[in-house]
Amino acid sequence: MSIRNILVAYNGTETADRAVKLAAHMARRVDAHLTGLFAHSLPQTYIQMEAYMTEAALDILERNEREAEDKVSAKFEALIAAEEQGLRTTFLCERGFPNEIISQFARTYDLTVF
């Protein structure tokens, strides 16, 4: 079996940075496409209280989620740029329960790195 698609779960932490570096190294060695996945969930309070929140509060929470996604995405792109050497990459942000999202995506990749 050849490895052509590698998924790396990435949330912007130092441990996840090391996982990206490892996954990038592996992708480069086997000429695979590397996909970073930021799987995150909304705070439990939001889920429980959404029906009682004002439109302004919901807008603030949504803006915070977008900012978090942008921050993690930018950090992933910076790590990849530092690795360079012609890596083919994609970065995805998905909202929901991280374990469920990662396991759903992992089924369609040859290798998943955590």
PDB file of N, CA and C in Angstrom:
ATOM      1  N   MET A   1       0.843  -1.190   0.000  1.00  0.00           N
ATOM      2  CA  MET A   1       0.000   0.000   0.000  1.00  0.00           C
ATOM      3  C   MET A   1       0.878   1.239   0.000  1.00  0.00           C
ATOM      4  N   SER A   2       0.566   2.166  -0.868  1.00  0.00           N
ATOM      5  CA  SER A   2       1.312   3.423  -0.901  1.00  0.00           C
ATOM      6  C   SER A   2       0.560   4.493  -0.112  1.00  0.00           C
ATOM      7  N   ILE A   3       1.321   5.413   0.424  1.00  0.00           N
ATOM      8  CA  ILE A   3       0.734   6.519   1.192  1.00  0.00           C
ATOM      9  C   ILE A   3       0.724   7.749   0.298  1.00  0.00           C
ATOM     10  N   ARG A   4      -0.471   8.226  -0.019  1.00  0.00           N
ATOM     11  CA  ARG A   4      -0.622   9.386  -0.891  1.00  0.00           C
ATOM     12  C   ARG A   4      -1.303  10.562  -0.199  1.00  0.00           C
ATOM     13  N   ASN A   5      -2.038  10.293   0.868  1.00  0.00           N
ATOM     14  CA  ASN A   5      -2.773  11.348   1.589  1.00  0.00           C
ATOM     15  C   ASN A   5      -2.557  11.173   3.079  1.00  0.00           C
ATOM     16  N   ILE A   6      -2.023  12.215   3.713  1.00  0.00           N
ATOM     17  CA  ILE A   6      -1.773  12.193   5.148  1.00  0.00           C
ATOM     18  C   ILE A   6      -2.617  13.273   5.805  1.00  0.00           C
ATOM     19  N   LEU A   7      -3.283  12.901   6.884  1.00  0.00           N
ATOM     20  CA  LEU A   7      -4.075  13.835   7.686  1.00  0.00           C
ATOM     21  C   LEU A   7      -3.340  14.087   8.990  1.00  0.00           C
ATOM     22  N   VAL A   8      -3.264  15.341   9.399  1.00  0.00           N
ATOM     23  CA  VAL A   8      -2.693  15.663  10.701  1.00  0.00           C
ATOM     24  C   VAL A   8      -3.712  16.494  11.473  1.00  0.00           C
ATOM     25  N   ALA A   9      -4.049  16.024  12.674  1.00  0.00           N
ATOM     26  CA  ALA A   9      -4.954  16.766  13.557  1.00  0.00           C
ATOM     27  C   ALA A   9      -4.143  17.914  14.148  1.00  0.00           C
ATOM     28  N   TYR A  10      -4.645  19.135  13.993  1.00  0.00           N
ATOM     29  CA  TYR A  10      -3.879  20.300  14.426  1.00  0.00           C
ATOM     30  C   TYR A  10      -4.766  21.291  15.161  1.00  0.00           C
ATOM     31  N   ASN A  11      -4.314  21.670  16.382  1.00  0.00           N
ATOM     32  CA  ASN A  11      -5.078  22.642  17.163  1.00  0.00           C
ATOM     33  C   ASN A  11      -4.243  23.831  17.632  1.00  0.00           C
ATOM     34  N   GLY A  12      -3.016  23.934  17.116  1.00  0.00           N
ATOM     35  CA  GLY A  12      -2.191  25.086  17.431  1.00  0.00           C
ATOM     36  C   GLY A  12      -1.313  24.954  18.661  1.00  0.00           C
ATOM     37  N   THR A  13      -1.339  23.824  19.359  1.00  0.00           N
ATOM     38  CA  THR A  13      -0.507  23.643  20.545  1.00  0.00           C
ATOM     39  C   THR A  13       0.904  23.219  20.145  1.00  0.00           C
ATOM     40  N   GLU A  14       1.832  23.255  21.100  1.00  0.00           N
ATOM     41  CA  GLU A  14       3.205  22.834  20.828  1.00  0.00           C
ATOM     42  C   GLU A  14       3.263  21.364  20.407  1.00  0.00           C
ATOM     43  N   THR A  15       2.484  20.529  21.052  1.00  0.00           N
ATOM     44  CA  THR A  15       2.449  19.117  20.688  1.00  0.00           C
ATOM     45  C   THR A  15       1.951  18.945  19.267  1.00  0.00           C
ATOM     46  N   ALA A  16       0.937  19.693  18.899  1.00  0.00           N
ATOM     47  CA  ALA A  16       0.403  19.623  17.535  1.00  0.00           C
ATOM     48  C   ALA A  16       1.414  20.163  16.524  1.00  0.00           C
ATOM     49  N   ASP A  17       2.222  21.160  16.938  1.00  0.00           N
ATOM     50  CA  ASP A  17       3.281  21.664  16.056  1.00  0.00           C
ATOM     51  C   ASP A  17       4.250  20.542  15.702  1.00  0.00           C
ATOM     52  N   ARG A  18       4.621  19.754  16.702  1.00  0.00           N
ATOM     53  CA  ARG A  18       5.534  18.631  16.456  1.00  0.00           C
ATOM     54  C   ARG A  18       4.893  17.590  15.542  1.00  0.00           C
ATOM     55  N   ALA A  19       3.590  17.371  15.701  1.00  0.00           N
ATOM     56  CA  ALA A  19       2.886  16.420  14.834  1.00  0.00           C
ATOM     57  C   ALA A  19       2.907  16.904  13.385  1.00  0.00           C
ATOM     58  N   VAL A  20       2.736  18.211  13.176  1.00  0.00           N
ATOM     59  CA  VAL A  20       2.774  18.764  11.813  1.00  0.00           C
ATOM     60  C   VAL A  20       4.163  18.578  11.217  1.00  0.00           C
ATOM     61  N   LYS A  21       5.200  18.842  12.000  1.00  0.00           N
ATOM     62  CA  LYS A  21       6.562  18.671  11.493  1.00  0.00           C
ATOM     63  C   LYS A  21       6.827  17.224  11.102  1.00  0.00           C
ATOM     64  N   LEU A  22       6.384  16.296  11.934  1.00  0.00           N
ATOM     65  CA  LEU A  22       6.543  14.872  11.619  1.00  0.00           C
ATOM     66  C   LEU A  22       5.761  14.504  10.365  1.00  0.00           C
ATOM     67  N   ALA A  23       4.502  14.935  10.301  1.00  0.00           N
ATOM     68  CA  ALA A  23       3.657  14.628   9.142  1.00  0.00           C
ATOM     69  C   ALA A  23       4.237  15.246   7.870  1.00  0.00           C
ATOM     70  N   ALA A  24       4.789  16.464   7.966  1.00  0.00           N
ATOM     71  CA  ALA A  24       5.397  17.113   6.801  1.00  0.00           C
ATOM     72  C   ALA A  24       6.616  16.328   6.335  1.00  0.00           C
ATOM     73  N   HIS A  25       7.405  15.873   7.282  1.00  0.00           N
ATOM     74  CA  HIS A  25       8.576  15.061   6.937  1.00  0.00           C
ATOM     75  C   HIS A  25       8.146  13.782   6.207  1.00  0.00           C
ATOM     76  N   MET A  26       7.144  13.117   6.735  1.00  0.00           N
ATOM     77  CA  MET A  26       6.655  11.889   6.097  1.00  0.00           C
ATOM     78  C   MET A  26       6.077  12.187   4.715  1.00  0.00           C
ATOM     79  N   ALA A  27       5.304  13.262   4.596  1.00  0.00           N
ATOM     80  CA  ALA A  27       4.702  13.623   3.307  1.00  0.00           C
ATOM     81  C   ALA A  27       5.774  13.905   2.268  1.00  0.00           C
ATOM     82  N   ARG A  28       6.814  14.578   2.681  1.00  0.00           N
ATOM     83  CA  ARG A  28       7.911  14.890   1.772  1.00  0.00           C
ATOM     84  C   ARG A  28       8.616  13.608   1.314  1.00  0.00           C
ATOM     85  N   ARG A  29       8.822  12.687   2.240  1.00  0.00           N
ATOM     86  CA  ARG A  29       9.541  11.429   1.912  1.00  0.00           C
ATOM     87  C   ARG A  29       8.785  10.561   0.920  1.00  0.00           C
ATOM     88  N   VAL A  30       7.456  10.540   1.023  1.00  0.00           N
ATOM     89  CA  VAL A  30       6.670   9.660   0.137  1.00  0.00           C
ATOM     90  C   VAL A  30       5.895  10.440  -0.922  1.00  0.00           C
ATOM     91  N   ASP A  31       6.160  11.741  -1.013  1.00  0.00           N
ATOM     92  CA  ASP A  31       5.491  12.615  -1.985  1.00  0.00           C
ATOM     93  C   ASP A  31       3.964  12.555  -1.830  1.00  0.00           C
ATOM     94  N   ALA A  32       3.510  12.711  -0.597  1.00  0.00           N
ATOM     95  CA  ALA A  32       2.071  12.650  -0.297  1.00  0.00           C
ATOM     96  C   ALA A  32       1.512  14.057  -0.105  1.00  0.00           C
ATOM     97  N   HIS A  33       0.224  14.165  -0.233  1.00  0.00           N
ATOM     98  CA  HIS A  33      -0.497  15.400   0.064  1.00  0.00           C
ATOM     99  C   HIS A  33      -0.774  15.426   1.563  1.00  0.00           C
ATOM    100  N   LEU A  34      -0.565  16.571   2.196  1.00  0.00           N
ATOM    101  CA  LEU A  34      -0.763  16.718   3.636  1.00  0.00           C
ATOM    102  C   LEU A  34      -1.960  17.622   3.906  1.00  0.00           C
ATOM    103  N   THR A  35      -2.891  17.144   4.705  1.00  0.00           N
ATOM    104  CA  THR A  35      -4.059  17.925   5.096  1.00  0.00           C
ATOM    105  C   THR A  35      -4.036  18.146   6.605  1.00  0.00           C
ATOM    106  N   GLY A  36      -4.091  19.414   7.013  1.00  0.00           N
ATOM    107  CA  GLY A  36      -4.223  19.761   8.421  1.00  0.00           C
ATOM    108  C   GLY A  36      -5.704  19.907   8.744  1.00  0.00           C
ATOM    109  N   LEU A  37      -6.108  19.416   9.897  1.00  0.00           N
ATOM    110  CA  LEU A  37      -7.520  19.476  10.304  1.00  0.00           C
ATOM    111  C   LEU A  37      -7.630  20.058  11.707  1.00  0.00           C
ATOM    112  N   PHE A  38      -8.288  21.203  11.803  1.00  0.00           N
ATOM    113  CA  PHE A  38      -8.598  21.807  13.103  1.00  0.00           C
ATOM    114  C   PHE A  38     -10.040  21.454  13.419  1.00  0.00           C
ATOM    115  N   ALA A  39     -10.213  20.474  14.279  1.00  0.00           N
ATOM    116  CA  ALA A  39     -11.546  20.032  14.699  1.00  0.00           C
ATOM    117  C   ALA A  39     -11.791  20.594  16.100  1.00  0.00           C
ATOM    118  N   HIS A  40     -12.829  21.385  16.234  1.00  0.00           N
ATOM    119  CA  HIS A  40     -13.094  22.007  17.534  1.00  0.00           C
ATOM    120  C   HIS A  40     -14.598  22.129  17.756  1.00  0.00           C
ATOM    121  N   SER A  41     -14.941  22.218  19.018  1.00  0.00           N
ATOM    122  CA  SER A  41     -16.357  22.333  19.353  1.00  0.00           C
ATOM    123  C   SER A  41     -16.620  23.656  20.058  1.00  0.00           C
ATOM    124  N   LEU A  42     -17.844  24.064  19.983  1.00  0.00           N
ATOM    125  CA  LEU A  42     -18.263  25.270  20.694  1.00  0.00           C
ATOM    126  C   LEU A  42     -18.304  24.968  22.189  1.00  0.00           C
ATOM    127  N   PRO A  43     -18.105  25.981  23.015  1.00  0.00           N
ATOM    128  CA  PRO A  43     -18.197  25.758  24.461  1.00  0.00           C
ATOM    129  C   PRO A  43     -19.555  25.173  24.847  1.00  0.00           C
ATOM    130  N   GLN A  44     -19.561  24.288  25.818  1.00  0.00           N
ATOM    131  CA  GLN A  44     -20.788  23.629  26.254  1.00  0.00           C
ATOM    132  C   GLN A  44     -21.847  24.636  26.685  1.00  0.00           C
ATOM    133  N   THR A  45     -21.421  25.741  27.297  1.00  0.00           N
ATOM    134  CA  THR A  45     -22.359  26.777  27.728  1.00  0.00           C
ATOM    135  C   THR A  45     -23.121  27.333  26.533  1.00  0.00           C
ATOM    136  N   TYR A  46     -22.404  27.532  25.432  1.00  0.00           N
ATOM    137  CA  TYR A  46     -23.037  28.046  24.225  1.00  0.00           C
ATOM    138  C   TYR A  46     -24.130  27.092  23.760  1.00  0.00           C
ATOM    139  N   ILE A  47     -23.807  25.820  23.713  1.00  0.00           N
ATOM    140  CA  ILE A  47     -24.764  24.820  23.244  1.00  0.00           C
ATOM    141  C   ILE A  47     -26.007  24.793  24.140  1.00  0.00           C
ATOM    142  N   GLN A  48     -25.806  24.896  25.451  1.00  0.00           N
ATOM    143  CA  GLN A  48     -26.916  24.821  26.392  1.00  0.00           C
ATOM    144  C   GLN A  48     -27.747  26.104  26.428  1.00  0.00           C
ATOM    145  N   MET A  49     -27.110  27.235  26.181  1.00  0.00           N
ATOM    146  CA  MET A  49     -27.781  28.514  26.372  1.00  0.00           C
ATOM    147  C   MET A  49     -28.120  29.248  25.078  1.00  0.00           C
ATOM    148  N   GLU A  50     -27.830  28.658  23.932  1.00  0.00           N
ATOM    149  CA  GLU A  50     -28.008  29.339  22.658  1.00  0.00           C
ATOM    150  C   GLU A  50     -29.418  29.931  22.487  1.00  0.00           C
ATOM    151  N   ALA A  51     -30.432  29.207  22.883  1.00  0.00           N
ATOM    152  CA  ALA A  51     -31.808  29.667  22.705  1.00  0.00           C
ATOM    153  C   ALA A  51     -32.122  30.917  23.530  1.00  0.00           C
ATOM    154  N   TYR A  52     -31.321  31.173  24.558  1.00  0.00           N
ATOM    155  CA  TYR A  52     -31.582  32.299  25.455  1.00  0.00           C
ATOM    156  C   TYR A  52     -30.657  33.488  25.187  1.00  0.00           C
ATOM    157  N   MET A  53     -29.736  33.351  24.238  1.00  0.00           N
ATOM    158  CA  MET A  53     -28.764  34.411  23.981  1.00  0.00           C
ATOM    159  C   MET A  53     -29.303  35.429  22.982  1.00  0.00           C
ATOM    160  N   THR A  54     -28.831  36.661  23.153  1.00  0.00           N
ATOM    161  CA  THR A  54     -29.215  37.715  22.218  1.00  0.00           C
ATOM    162  C   THR A  54     -28.446  37.542  20.907  1.00  0.00           C
ATOM    163  N   GLU A  55     -28.937  38.198  19.889  1.00  0.00           N
ATOM    164  CA  GLU A  55     -28.256  38.151  18.584  1.00  0.00           C
ATOM    165  C   GLU A  55     -26.839  38.708  18.697  1.00  0.00           C
ATOM    166  N   ALA A  56     -26.662  39.760  19.500  1.00  0.00           N
ATOM    167  CA  ALA A  56     -25.335  40.354  19.680  1.00  0.00           C
ATOM    168  C   ALA A  56     -24.375  39.365  20.336  1.00  0.00           C
ATOM    169  N   ALA A  57     -24.843  38.651  21.337  1.00  0.00           N
ATOM    170  CA  ALA A  57     -23.992  37.654  22.008  1.00  0.00           C
ATOM    171  C   ALA A  57     -23.625  36.528  21.052  1.00  0.00           C
ATOM    172  N   LEU A  58     -24.574  36.070  20.257  1.00  0.00           N
ATOM    173  CA  LEU A  58     -24.300  35.019  19.275  1.00  0.00           C
ATOM    174  C   LEU A  58     -23.284  35.491  18.235  1.00  0.00           C
ATOM    175  N   ASP A  59     -23.389  36.757  17.828  1.00  0.00           N
ATOM    176  CA  ASP A  59     -22.443  37.316  16.863  1.00  0.00           C
ATOM    177  C   ASP A  59     -21.030  37.355  17.440  1.00  0.00           C
ATOM    178  N   ILE A  60     -20.916  37.721  18.707  1.00  0.00           N
ATOM    179  CA  ILE A  60     -19.605  37.771  19.367  1.00  0.00           C
ATOM    180  C   ILE A  60     -19.001  36.370  19.431  1.00  0.00           C
ATOM    181  N   LEU A  61     -19.793  35.394  19.814  1.00  0.00           N
ATOM    182  CA  LEU A  61     -19.294  34.016  19.883  1.00  0.00           C
ATOM    183  C   LEU A  61     -18.857  33.515  18.510  1.00  0.00           C
ATOM    184  N   GLU A  62     -19.628  33.821  17.487  1.00  0.00           N
ATOM    185  CA  GLU A  62     -19.277  33.404  16.132  1.00  0.00           C
ATOM    186  C   GLU A  62     -17.987  34.084  15.680  1.00  0.00           C
ATOM    187  N   ARG A  63     -17.844  35.363  15.983  1.00  0.00           N
ATOM    188  CA  ARG A  63     -16.624  36.083  15.627  1.00  0.00           C
ATOM    189  C   ARG A  63     -15.404  35.465  16.334  1.00  0.00           C
ATOM    190  N   ASN A  64     -15.574  35.115  17.612  1.00  0.00           N
ATOM    191  CA  ASN A  64     -14.488  34.476  18.363  1.00  0.00           C
ATOM    192  C   ASN A  64     -14.095  33.138  17.746  1.00  0.00           C
ATOM    193  N   GLU A  65     -15.085  32.370  17.299  1.00  0.00           N
ATOM    194  CA  GLU A  65     -14.798  31.082  16.655  1.00  0.00           C
ATOM    195  C   GLU A  65     -14.024  31.290  15.354  1.00  0.00           C
ATOM    196  N   ARG A  66     -14.429  32.258  14.562  1.00  0.00           N
ATOM    197  CA  ARG A  66     -13.730  32.555  13.300  1.00  0.00           C
ATOM    198  C   ARG A  66     -12.302  33.022  13.564  1.00  0.00           C
ATOM    199  N   GLU A  67     -12.128  33.842  14.600  1.00  0.00           N
ATOM    200  CA  GLU A  67     -10.791  34.319  14.946  1.00  0.00           C
ATOM    201  C   GLU A  67      -9.893  33.160  15.379  1.00  0.00           C
ATOM    202  N   ALA A  68     -10.438  32.228  16.156  1.00  0.00           N
ATOM    203  CA  ALA A  68      -9.668  31.052  16.575  1.00  0.00           C
ATOM    204  C   ALA A  68      -9.274  30.219  15.360  1.00  0.00           C
ATOM    205  N   GLU A  69     -10.207  30.026  14.438  1.00  0.00           N
ATOM    206  CA  GLU A  69      -9.912  29.267  13.222  1.00  0.00           C
ATOM    207  C   GLU A  69      -8.830  29.964  12.394  1.00  0.00           C
ATOM    208  N   ASP A  70      -8.929  31.280  12.261  1.00  0.00           N
ATOM    209  CA  ASP A  70      -7.932  32.040  11.499  1.00  0.00           C
ATOM    210  C   ASP A  70      -6.549  31.945  12.145  1.00  0.00           C
ATOM    211  N   LYS A  71      -6.519  32.028  13.472  1.00  0.00           N
ATOM    212  CA  LYS A  71      -5.252  31.964  14.198  1.00  0.00           C
ATOM    213  C   LYS A  71      -4.582  30.600  14.016  1.00  0.00           C
ATOM    214  N   VAL A  72      -5.345  29.530  14.179  1.00  0.00           N
ATOM    215  CA  VAL A  72      -4.789  28.179  14.040  1.00  0.00           C
ATOM    216  C   VAL A  72      -4.378  27.928  12.593  1.00  0.00           C
ATOM    217  N   SER A  73      -5.185  28.376  11.656  1.00  0.00           N
ATOM    218  CA  SER A  73      -4.858  28.215  10.240  1.00  0.00           C
ATOM    219  C   SER A  73      -3.558  28.940   9.895  1.00  0.00           C
ATOM    220  N   ALA A  74      -3.400  30.156  10.374  1.00  0.00           N
ATOM    221  CA  ALA A  74      -2.185  30.932  10.104  1.00  0.00           C
ATOM    222  C   ALA A  74      -0.963  30.255  10.711  1.00  0.00           C
ATOM    223  N   LYS A  75      -1.105  29.700  11.892  1.00  0.00           N
ATOM    224  CA  LYS A  75       0.010  29.009  12.534  1.00  0.00           C
ATOM    225  C   LYS A  75       0.395  27.760  11.739  1.00  0.00           C
ATOM    226  N   PHE A  76      -0.601  27.020  11.253  1.00  0.00           N
ATOM    227  CA  PHE A  76      -0.330  25.840  10.421  1.00  0.00           C
ATOM    228  C   PHE A  76       0.418  26.265   9.157  1.00  0.00           C
ATOM    229  N   GLU A  77      -0.061  27.303   8.496  1.00  0.00           N
ATOM    230  CA  GLU A  77       0.577  27.775   7.264  1.00  0.00           C
ATOM    231  C   GLU A  77       2.013  28.216   7.528  1.00  0.00           C
ATOM    232  N   ALA A  78       2.268  28.839   8.679  1.00  0.00           N
ATOM    233  CA  ALA A  78       3.632  29.258   9.020  1.00  0.00           C
ATOM    234  C   ALA A  78       4.541  28.049   9.223  1.00  0.00           C
ATOM    235  N   LEU A  79       4.023  27.019   9.871  1.00  0.00           N
ATOM    236  CA  LEU A  79       4.811  25.793  10.056  1.00  0.00           C
ATOM    237  C   LEU A  79       5.142  25.152   8.716  1.00  0.00           C
ATOM    238  N   ILE A  80       4.169  25.099   7.840  1.00  0.00           N
ATOM    239  CA  ILE A  80       4.377  24.508   6.523  1.00  0.00           C
ATOM    240  C   ILE A  80       5.374  25.343   5.724  1.00  0.00           C
ATOM    241  N   ALA A  81       5.269  26.656   5.800  1.00  0.00           N
ATOM    242  CA  ALA A  81       6.200  27.535   5.081  1.00  0.00           C
ATOM    243  C   ALA A  81       7.628  27.317   5.574  1.00  0.00           C
ATOM    244  N   ALA A  82       7.792  27.093   6.877  1.00  0.00           N
ATOM    245  CA  ALA A  82       9.120  26.837   7.432  1.00  0.00           C
ATOM    246  C   ALA A  82       9.674  25.503   6.932  1.00  0.00           C
ATOM    247  N   GLU A  83       8.793  24.533   6.702  1.00  0.00           N
ATOM    248  CA  GLU A  83       9.209  23.224   6.179  1.00  0.00           C
ATOM    249  C   GLU A  83       9.530  23.304   4.697  1.00  0.00           C
ATOM    250  N   GLU A  84       8.781  24.132   3.978  1.00  0.00           N
ATOM    251  CA  GLU A  84       8.907  24.385   2.545  1.00  0.00           C
ATOM    252  C   GLU A  84       9.101  23.113   1.738  1.00  0.00           C
ATOM    253  N   GLN A  85      10.033  23.146   0.834  1.00  0.00           N
ATOM    254  CA  GLN A  85      10.388  22.030  -0.033  1.00  0.00           C
ATOM    255  C   GLN A  85       9.210  21.434  -0.790  1.00  0.00           C
ATOM    256  N   GLY A  86       8.339  22.285  -1.286  1.00  0.00           N
ATOM    257  CA  GLY A  86       7.309  21.847  -2.218  1.00  0.00           C
ATOM    258  C   GLY A  86       6.221  20.959  -1.671  1.00  0.00           C
ATOM    259  N   LEU A  87       5.879  21.107  -0.415  1.00  0.00           N
ATOM    260  CA  LEU A  87       4.787  20.295   0.137  1.00  0.00           C
ATOM    261  C   LEU A  87       3.447  20.719  -0.458  1.00  0.00           C
ATOM    262  N   ARG A  88       2.628  19.738  -0.755  1.00  0.00           N
ATOM    263  CA  ARG A  88       1.254  20.010  -1.195  1.00  0.00           C
ATOM    264  C   ARG A  88       0.381  19.888   0.049  1.00  0.00           C
ATOM    265  N   THR A  89      -0.326  20.969   0.386  1.00  0.00           N
ATOM    266  CA  THR A  89      -1.097  20.975   1.632  1.00  0.00           C
ATOM    267  C   THR A  89      -2.482  21.570   1.450  1.00  0.00           C
ATOM    268  N   THR A  90      -3.328  21.216   2.395  1.00  0.00           N
ATOM    269  CA  THR A  90      -4.664  21.775   2.537  1.00  0.00           C
ATOM    270  C   THR A  90      -4.901  21.945   4.030  1.00  0.00           C
ATOM    271  N   PHE A  91      -5.692  22.951   4.414  1.00  0.00           N
ATOM    272  CA  PHE A  91      -6.050  23.103   5.819  1.00  0.00           C
ATOM    273  C   PHE A  91      -7.561  23.229   5.928  1.00  0.00           C
ATOM    274  N   LEU A  92      -8.146  22.453   6.839  1.00  0.00           N
ATOM    275  CA  LEU A  92      -9.594  22.443   7.036  1.00  0.00           C
ATOM    276  C   LEU A  92      -9.936  22.784   8.477  1.00  0.00           C
ATOM    277  N   CYS A  93     -11.016  23.522   8.671  1.00  0.00           N
ATOM    278  CA  CYS A  93     -11.570  23.795  10.001  1.00  0.00           C
ATOM    279  C   CYS A  93     -12.965  23.195  10.033  1.00  0.00           C
ATOM    280  N   GLU A  94     -13.208  22.361  11.014  1.00  0.00           N
ATOM    281  CA  GLU A  94     -14.519  21.731  11.160  1.00  0.00           C
ATOM    282  C   GLU A  94     -14.987  21.875  12.598  1.00  0.00           C
ATOM    283  N   ARG A  95     -16.250  22.246  12.748  1.00  0.00           N
ATOM    284  CA  ARG A  95     -16.837  22.398  14.086  1.00  0.00           C
ATOM    285  C   ARG A  95     -17.669  21.178  14.429  1.00  0.00           C
ATOM    286  N   GLY A  96     -17.554  20.754  15.667  1.00  0.00           N
ATOM    287  CA  GLY A  96     -18.269  19.601  16.176  1.00  0.00           C
ATOM    288  C   GLY A  96     -17.402  18.945  17.236  1.00  0.00           C
ATOM    289  N   PHE A  97     -17.745  17.750  17.625  1.00  0.00           N
ATOM    290  CA  PHE A  97     -16.948  17.046  18.617  1.00  0.00           C
ATOM    291  C   PHE A  97     -15.659  16.563  17.952  1.00  0.00           C
ATOM    292  N   PRO A  98     -14.505  17.032  18.428  1.00  0.00           N
ATOM    293  CA  PRO A  98     -13.241  16.715  17.765  1.00  0.00           C
ATOM    294  C   PRO A  98     -13.013  15.223  17.510  1.00  0.00           C
ATOM    295  N   ASN A  99     -13.275  14.383  18.488  1.00  0.00           N
ATOM    296  CA  ASN A  99     -13.039  12.944  18.295  1.00  0.00           C
ATOM    297  C   ASN A  99     -13.868  12.396  17.141  1.00  0.00           C
ATOM    298  N   GLU A 100     -15.098  12.830  17.044  1.00  0.00           N
ATOM    299  CA  GLU A 100     -15.963  12.359  15.961  1.00  0.00           C
ATOM    300  C   GLU A 100     -15.486  12.874  14.603  1.00  0.00           C
ATOM    301  N   ILE A 101     -15.147  14.144  14.547  1.00  0.00           N
ATOM    302  CA  ILE A 101     -14.721  14.735  13.285  1.00  0.00           C
ATOM    303  C   ILE A 101     -13.431  14.089  12.792  1.00  0.00           C
ATOM    304  N   ILE A 102     -12.452  13.984  13.681  1.00  0.00           N
ATOM    305  CA  ILE A 102     -11.169  13.413  13.279  1.00  0.00           C
ATOM    306  C   ILE A 102     -11.344  11.978  12.818  1.00  0.00           C
ATOM    307  N   SER A 103     -12.153  11.201  13.544  1.00  0.00           N
ATOM    308  CA  SER A 103     -12.342   9.803  13.136  1.00  0.00           C
ATOM    309  C   SER A 103     -13.072   9.702  11.800  1.00  0.00           C
ATOM    310  N   GLN A 104     -14.003  10.595  11.533  1.00  0.00           N
ATOM    311  CA  GLN A 104     -14.698  10.590  10.237  1.00  0.00           C
ATOM    312  C   GLN A 104     -13.730  10.909   9.099  1.00  0.00           C
ATOM    313  N   PHE A 105     -12.893  11.914   9.290  1.00  0.00           N
ATOM    314  CA  PHE A 105     -11.928  12.284   8.253  1.00  0.00           C
ATOM    315  C   PHE A 105     -10.859  11.214   8.092  1.00  0.00           C
ATOM    316  N   ALA A 106     -10.394  10.662   9.195  1.00  0.00           N
ATOM    317  CA  ALA A 106      -9.297   9.686   9.156  1.00  0.00           C
ATOM    318  C   ALA A 106      -9.631   8.481   8.281  1.00  0.00           C
ATOM    319  N   ARG A 107     -10.880   8.150   8.184  1.00  0.00           N
ATOM    320  CA  ARG A 107     -11.290   6.995   7.373  1.00  0.00           C
ATOM    321  C   ARG A 107     -10.962   7.168   5.900  1.00  0.00           C
ATOM    322  N   THR A 108     -10.799   8.391   5.454  1.00  0.00           N
ATOM    323  CA  THR A 108     -10.575   8.642   4.034  1.00  0.00           C
ATOM    324  C   THR A 108      -9.108   8.971   3.709  1.00  0.00           C
ATOM    325  N   TYR A 109      -8.222   8.857   4.683  1.00  0.00           N
ATOM    326  CA  TYR A 109      -6.806   9.128   4.473  1.00  0.00           C
ATOM    327  C   TYR A 109      -5.994   7.861   4.671  1.00  0.00           C
ATOM    328  N   ASP A 110      -4.828   7.832   4.042  1.00  0.00           N
ATOM    329  CA  ASP A 110      -3.954   6.674   4.163  1.00  0.00           C
ATOM    330  C   ASP A 110      -3.282   6.609   5.526  1.00  0.00           C
ATOM    331  N   LEU A 111      -3.037   7.769   6.126  1.00  0.00           N
ATOM    332  CA  LEU A 111      -2.326   7.853   7.409  1.00  0.00           C
ATOM    333  C   LEU A 111      -2.826   9.077   8.158  1.00  0.00           C
ATOM    334  N   THR A 112      -3.011   8.929   9.470  1.00  0.00           N
ATOM    335  CA  THR A 112      -3.410  10.062  10.314  1.00  0.00           C
ATOM    336  C   THR A 112      -2.375  10.238  11.415  1.00  0.00           C
ATOM    337  N   VAL A 113      -1.937  11.472  11.612  1.00  0.00           N
ATOM    338  CA  VAL A 113      -0.942  11.799  12.628  1.00  0.00           C
ATOM    339  C   VAL A 113      -1.592  12.695  13.673  1.00  0.00           C
ATOM    340  N   PHE A 114      -1.350  12.348  14.949  1.00  0.00           N
ATOM    341  CA  PHE A 114      -1.880  13.145  16.067  1.00  0.00           C
ATOM    342  C   PHE A 114      -0.741  13.793  16.806  1.00  0.00           C
TER     343      PHE A 114
END
